[in-house]
Amino acid sequence: MKSKKEEVTTRAVRSTYTASFKEQALERADKDDTPKVAQDLGLTEETLYVWRAKRRHTGQPFAEQKLQ
C-alpha cells in the first residue's frame, strides 16, 4: 500500500493551454496528420480531437468562448 506522500507524487499534472495555442494546434492538425501534430506538440491525439469537437460544437474560436 502506498503512503500518502507516494500517492501525491504519482498523480498526473494537468496542463493548461491558452486559447491561442489551441487554435494554432488545430490549424496545424487540419493541415497535417493529427497524430503527428499531437506528437510534435507533446499532446495526446484525444486532446486535439476534444478541442476540435468543442470548437465545432460552439462554432466559435476558443478565445471567444471564454469571453461569453
Protein backbone atom coordinates (compact mmCIF):
# COMPACT_ATOMS: atom_id res chain seq x y z
CA MET A 1 0.00 0.00 0.00
CA LYS A 2 1.31 3.44 -0.92
CA SER A 3 1.89 6.06 1.71
CA LYS A 4 0.13 9.41 1.40
CA LYS A 5 3.37 11.05 0.22
CA GLU A 6 3.91 8.45 -2.53
CA GLU A 7 0.32 8.83 -3.67
CA VAL A 8 0.65 12.58 -4.08
CA THR A 9 3.87 12.36 -6.07
CA THR A 10 2.44 9.86 -8.57
CA ARG A 11 -0.55 11.97 -9.58
CA ALA A 12 -0.56 13.32 -13.11
CA VAL A 13 -0.01 17.02 -13.60
CA ARG A 14 -2.73 18.63 -15.66
CA SER A 15 -1.52 21.17 -18.19
CA THR A 16 -3.46 24.20 -19.25
CA TYR A 17 -3.14 25.72 -22.69
CA THR A 18 -4.02 29.16 -23.95
CA ALA A 19 -6.79 29.69 -26.46
CA SER A 20 -4.18 30.82 -28.96
CA PHE A 21 -2.18 27.61 -28.54
CA LYS A 22 -5.30 25.50 -29.05
CA GLU A 23 -6.26 27.38 -32.21
CA GLN A 24 -2.75 27.08 -33.66
CA ALA A 25 -2.59 23.38 -32.79
CA LEU A 26 -5.93 22.76 -34.50
CA GLU A 27 -4.87 24.72 -37.57
CA ARG A 28 -1.77 22.52 -37.85
CA ALA A 29 -3.84 19.38 -37.29
CA ASP A 30 -6.25 20.46 -40.05
CA LYS A 31 -3.33 20.80 -42.49
CA ASP A 32 -1.14 17.92 -41.35
CA ASP A 33 -1.63 14.49 -39.86
CA THR A 34 -3.29 14.81 -36.43
CA PRO A 35 -1.22 12.05 -34.76
CA LYS A 36 2.00 13.68 -35.99
CA VAL A 37 0.96 17.13 -34.75
CA ALA A 38 -0.02 15.69 -31.38
CA GLN A 39 3.35 14.00 -31.05
CA ASP A 40 5.24 17.14 -32.11
CA LEU A 41 3.39 19.25 -29.54
CA GLY A 42 3.56 16.67 -26.75
CA LEU A 43 -0.21 16.18 -26.67
CA THR A 44 -2.40 13.14 -26.98
CA GLU A 45 -4.43 12.70 -30.15
CA GLU A 46 -7.52 12.63 -27.96
CA THR A 47 -6.76 16.15 -26.73
CA LEU A 48 -6.77 17.52 -30.26
CA TYR A 49 -9.96 15.66 -31.11
CA VAL A 50 -11.69 17.02 -27.98
CA TRP A 51 -10.60 20.57 -28.78
CA ARG A 52 -11.84 20.16 -32.36
CA ALA A 53 -15.21 18.86 -31.14
CA LYS A 54 -15.62 21.75 -28.69
CA ARG A 55 -14.84 24.28 -31.41
CA ARG A 56 -17.25 22.59 -33.82
CA HIS A 57 -19.98 22.37 -31.17
CA THR A 58 -19.85 26.07 -30.28
CA GLY A 59 -18.91 27.34 -33.73
CA GLN A 60 -16.56 29.86 -32.13
CA PRO A 61 -12.81 30.11 -31.65
CA PHE A 62 -11.57 29.33 -28.14
CA ALA A 63 -10.78 32.98 -27.34
CA GLU A 64 -14.39 33.99 -27.97
CA GLN A 65 -15.78 31.07 -25.98
CA LYS A 66 -14.16 32.36 -22.79
CA LEU A 67 -15.47 35.89 -23.21
CA GLN A 68 -19.09 34.90 -23.02
